[in-house]
């Protein structure tokens, strides 16, 4: 769970810089299944 939060925060940062939030969201959805 803690790792997932860190991953989400990293994706939020990447989204602000690179605008790749949709990729991170997809990865999070795959991981949660």
C-alpha atoms as a PDB file:
ATOM      1  CA  UNK A   1       0.000   0.000   0.000  1.00  0.00           C
ATOM      2  CA  UNK A   2       2.785   2.413   0.907  1.00  0.00           C
ATOM      3  CA  UNK A   3       4.558   1.659  -2.369  1.00  0.00           C
ATOM      4  CA  UNK A   4       1.326   2.331  -4.283  1.00  0.00           C
ATOM      5  CA  UNK A   5       1.025   5.780  -2.672  1.00  0.00           C
ATOM      6  CA  UNK A   6       4.628   6.577  -3.605  1.00  0.00           C
ATOM      7  CA  UNK A   7       3.932   5.416  -7.158  1.00  0.00           C
ATOM      8  CA  UNK A   8       0.843   7.625  -7.320  1.00  0.00           C
ATOM      9  CA  UNK A   9       2.793  10.654  -6.058  1.00  0.00           C
ATOM     10  CA  UNK A  10       5.507   9.974  -8.631  1.00  0.00           C
ATOM     11  CA  UNK A  11       2.862   9.821 -11.351  1.00  0.00           C
ATOM     12  CA  UNK A  12       1.371  13.114 -10.187  1.00  0.00           C
ATOM     13  CA  UNK A  13       4.793  14.747 -10.488  1.00  0.00           C
ATOM     14  CA  UNK A  14       5.346  13.173 -13.910  1.00  0.00           C
ATOM     15  CA  UNK A  15       1.904  14.387 -14.999  1.00  0.00           C
ATOM     16  CA  UNK A  16       2.770  17.980 -14.107  1.00  0.00           C
ATOM     17  CA  UNK A  17       6.091  17.810 -15.961  1.00  0.00           C
ATOM     18  CA  UNK A  18       5.426  15.434 -18.841  1.00  0.00           C
ATOM     19  CA  UNK A  19       1.607  15.267 -18.953  1.00  0.00           C
ATOM     20  CA  UNK A  20       1.672  11.458 -18.931  1.00  0.00           C
ATOM     21  CA  UNK A  21      -0.886  11.022 -16.164  1.00  0.00           C
ATOM     22  CA  UNK A  22      -3.079   8.754 -18.310  1.00  0.00           C
ATOM     23  CA  UNK A  23      -0.206   6.258 -18.610  1.00  0.00           C
ATOM     24  CA  UNK A  24       0.281   6.226 -14.834  1.00  0.00           C
ATOM     25  CA  UNK A  25      -3.456   5.854 -14.287  1.00  0.00           C
ATOM     26  CA  UNK A  26      -3.489   2.867 -16.628  1.00  0.00           C
ATOM     27  CA  UNK A  27      -0.551   1.289 -14.773  1.00  0.00           C
ATOM     28  CA  UNK A  28      -2.298   1.814 -11.432  1.00  0.00           C
ATOM     29  CA  UNK A  29      -5.473   0.190 -12.765  1.00  0.00           C
ATOM     30  CA  UNK A  30      -3.519  -2.852 -13.981  1.00  0.00           C
ATOM     31  CA  UNK A  31      -1.652  -3.123 -10.659  1.00  0.00           C
ATOM     32  CA  UNK A  32      -4.853  -2.987  -8.593  1.00  0.00           C
ATOM     33  CA  UNK A  33      -6.386  -5.971 -10.403  1.00  0.00           C
END
